[in-house]
Amino acid sequence: MSNRAALLNRAALVLCVILSTGCLTPENELEQSPRTLQFVRVTKEIPAFGGVTRENGAWVISLLDAEQREAAETKLRDIFNEEASHLSVRVRAPRGSASEELKDEATEVLSVEGAGTLDYDETTGYLRVGVIDVEALEPVQAKLDALGIPLEQVILQVERPIVSL
């Protein structure tokens, strides 16, 4: 390999490293509130997670497996400490009856500020709606209701924002 080719290879490698690490800098990430970050953990860490909702001002965490209730409650205490006593845990059917067609009917939910993703999850049979701000849960629920989408067929989850490269 010539000196010029070696130099170009090194320059390309350095550029790749700079570009890849530049995408991970905090200034490129959307700031999320501490409460939202707690619910991101709930979505990822609760065993058999089946959604989070707000009902009459209270947080409700749903599970898809009743046998995971004790483990889920332990994890909630780890995430929320003493505030965990203000959360309700509910078990829902392990399999929903949503469809790609229902997902198409729900597309307008993405117009709600804070709504991030919408997908039909074939493995659980539920629609999954991701929010990037926990405060968007109630408006998202209201929009789904207005669209005639039954909430019992939706898993609402809190997620990190998608950052474009």
Protein backbone atom coordinates (compact mmCIF):
# COMPACT_ATOMS: atom_id res chain seq x y z
CA MET A 1 0.00 0.00 0.00
CA SER A 2 1.36 3.39 -0.95
CA ASN A 3 1.92 6.17 1.56
CA ARG A 4 -0.91 8.14 -0.01
CA ALA A 5 -3.36 5.21 0.27
CA ALA A 6 -2.34 4.61 3.89
CA LEU A 7 -2.82 8.30 4.68
CA LEU A 8 -6.27 8.30 3.03
CA ASN A 9 -7.26 5.16 4.99
CA ARG A 10 -6.20 6.78 8.28
CA ALA A 11 -8.03 10.01 7.39
CA ALA A 12 -11.18 8.06 6.54
CA LEU A 13 -10.94 6.17 9.84
CA VAL A 14 -10.51 9.40 11.82
CA LEU A 15 -13.47 10.95 10.01
CA CYS A 16 -15.64 7.89 10.79
CA VAL A 17 -14.69 8.10 14.48
CA ILE A 18 -15.42 11.83 14.63
CA LEU A 19 -18.78 11.44 12.89
CA SER A 20 -19.89 8.48 14.97
CA THR A 21 -18.99 10.04 18.32
CA GLY A 22 -20.35 13.43 17.30
CA CYS A 23 -23.83 11.89 17.01
CA LEU A 24 -23.70 10.80 20.63
CA THR A 25 -23.00 14.15 22.21
CA PRO A 26 -25.52 15.44 24.75
CA GLU A 27 -26.29 18.57 22.75
CA ASN A 28 -27.81 16.33 20.06
CA GLU A 29 -30.15 14.61 22.54
CA LEU A 30 -33.52 15.95 23.55
CA GLU A 31 -33.59 16.73 27.24
CA GLN A 32 -36.09 14.56 29.08
CA SER A 33 -37.49 15.29 32.53
CA PRO A 34 -36.42 13.14 35.48
CA ARG A 35 -40.00 11.76 35.66
CA THR A 36 -39.90 10.81 31.97
CA LEU A 37 -36.54 9.09 32.48
CA GLN A 38 -38.04 7.08 35.34
CA PHE A 39 -40.79 5.86 33.00
CA VAL A 40 -38.22 5.06 30.30
CA ARG A 41 -36.73 2.71 32.89
CA VAL A 42 -40.19 1.29 33.66
CA THR A 43 -40.72 0.51 29.96
CA LYS A 44 -37.35 -1.22 29.68
CA GLU A 45 -36.89 -2.85 33.09
CA ILE A 46 -40.31 -3.99 34.32
CA PRO A 47 -40.70 -7.72 33.67
CA ALA A 48 -43.63 -8.49 31.33
CA PHE A 49 -44.22 -4.74 30.80
CA GLY A 50 -47.66 -4.19 29.30
CA GLY A 51 -48.01 -0.43 29.26
CA VAL A 52 -48.34 2.67 31.38
CA THR A 53 -51.44 4.85 31.58
CA ARG A 54 -52.92 7.69 33.59
CA GLU A 55 -56.32 7.07 35.12
CA ASN A 56 -57.98 9.79 37.18
CA GLY A 57 -54.58 11.41 37.74
CA ALA A 58 -52.94 8.17 38.93
CA TRP A 59 -50.22 6.12 37.23
CA VAL A 60 -51.13 2.56 36.27
CA ILE A 61 -48.50 0.05 35.16
CA SER A 62 -49.82 -2.98 33.27
CA LEU A 63 -48.18 -6.40 33.05
CA LEU A 64 -48.67 -9.15 30.48
CA ASP A 65 -47.86 -11.92 32.99
CA ALA A 66 -49.45 -12.17 36.45
CA GLU A 67 -46.50 -14.22 37.71
CA GLN A 68 -44.24 -11.19 37.24
CA ARG A 69 -46.24 -8.95 39.60
CA GLU A 70 -43.93 -9.31 42.61
CA ALA A 71 -40.78 -8.75 40.51
CA ALA A 72 -42.42 -5.74 38.84
CA GLU A 73 -43.42 -4.21 42.18
CA THR A 74 -39.86 -4.70 43.48
CA LYS A 75 -38.45 -2.99 40.38
CA LEU A 76 -40.95 -0.12 40.73
CA ARG A 77 -39.77 0.45 44.32
CA ASP A 78 -36.20 0.51 43.00
CA ILE A 79 -37.08 3.10 40.33
CA PHE A 80 -39.49 5.33 42.31
CA ASN A 81 -38.48 4.70 45.96
CA GLU A 82 -41.26 5.84 48.31
CA GLU A 83 -43.28 7.26 45.39
CA ALA A 84 -43.88 3.66 44.22
CA SER A 85 -46.75 3.41 46.70
CA HIS A 86 -48.69 5.83 44.48
CA LEU A 87 -48.50 3.50 41.46
CA SER A 88 -51.03 0.80 40.66
CA VAL A 89 -50.07 -2.47 39.02
CA ARG A 90 -52.59 -4.25 36.85
CA VAL A 91 -52.42 -7.45 34.82
CA ARG A 92 -53.86 -7.46 31.32
CA ALA A 93 -54.35 -10.22 28.77
CA PRO A 94 -51.01 -11.56 27.50
CA ARG A 95 -52.26 -11.30 23.93
CA GLY A 96 -54.16 -8.44 22.33
CA SER A 97 -56.30 -8.50 19.21
CA ALA A 98 -54.99 -5.40 17.44
CA SER A 99 -53.94 -5.49 13.79
CA GLU A 100 -52.08 -3.61 11.08
CA GLU A 101 -55.45 -2.15 10.08
CA LEU A 102 -56.00 -0.80 13.60
CA LYS A 103 -52.50 0.70 13.44
CA ASP A 104 -53.46 2.47 10.21
CA GLU A 105 -56.56 3.86 11.93
CA ALA A 106 -54.40 5.12 14.82
CA THR A 107 -51.78 6.93 12.69
CA GLU A 108 -53.18 10.35 13.56
CA VAL A 109 -52.08 9.83 17.19
CA LEU A 110 -48.59 10.77 16.02
CA SER A 111 -49.82 14.34 15.60
CA VAL A 112 -49.97 14.69 19.41
CA GLU A 113 -46.97 16.59 20.74
CA GLY A 114 -44.75 14.13 22.58
CA ALA A 115 -45.95 11.07 20.66
CA GLY A 116 -42.95 9.41 19.08
CA THR A 117 -43.72 6.02 17.58
CA LEU A 118 -46.60 3.77 16.54
CA ASP A 119 -46.26 0.11 15.70
CA TYR A 120 -48.25 -3.11 15.62
CA ASP A 121 -46.43 -5.70 17.73
CA GLU A 122 -47.09 -9.10 16.19
CA THR A 123 -45.54 -10.90 19.17
CA THR A 124 -48.09 -9.52 21.66
CA GLY A 125 -51.00 -8.58 19.39
CA TYR A 126 -51.06 -5.01 20.74
CA LEU A 127 -50.42 -1.63 19.17
CA ARG A 128 -47.41 0.07 20.76
CA VAL A 129 -47.43 3.82 21.06
CA GLY A 130 -44.23 5.41 22.29
CA VAL A 131 -44.11 8.81 23.93
CA ILE A 132 -40.95 10.80 24.56
CA ASP A 133 -42.49 12.88 27.34
CA VAL A 134 -44.51 11.23 30.09
CA GLU A 135 -46.76 14.31 30.15
CA ALA A 136 -47.95 13.33 26.66
CA LEU A 137 -49.62 10.15 27.96
CA GLU A 138 -52.98 11.74 28.75
CA PRO A 139 -53.26 13.67 25.44
CA VAL A 140 -52.24 10.51 23.55
CA GLN A 141 -54.87 8.49 25.42
CA ALA A 142 -57.48 11.17 24.63
CA LYS A 143 -56.51 11.16 20.93
CA LEU A 144 -56.73 7.36 20.74
CA ASP A 145 -60.15 7.54 22.37
CA ALA A 146 -61.28 10.22 19.89
CA LEU A 147 -60.08 7.99 17.04
CA GLY A 148 -62.10 5.07 18.40
CA ILE A 149 -59.00 3.02 19.20
CA PRO A 150 -59.68 0.84 22.27
CA LEU A 151 -57.00 1.49 24.91
CA GLU A 152 -57.16 -2.17 25.93
CA GLN A 153 -55.48 -2.93 22.57
CA VAL A 154 -52.64 -0.42 23.08
CA ILE A 155 -49.41 -0.61 25.04
CA LEU A 156 -48.30 2.92 25.87
CA GLN A 157 -44.59 3.11 26.57
CA VAL A 158 -42.13 5.88 27.35
CA GLU A 159 -39.00 5.92 25.26
CA ARG A 160 -35.91 7.91 24.44
CA PRO A 161 -36.28 10.16 21.41
CA ILE A 162 -34.96 8.98 18.09
CA VAL A 163 -31.98 11.14 17.18
CA SER A 164 -31.19 11.51 13.50
CA LEU A 165 -27.56 11.13 12.48
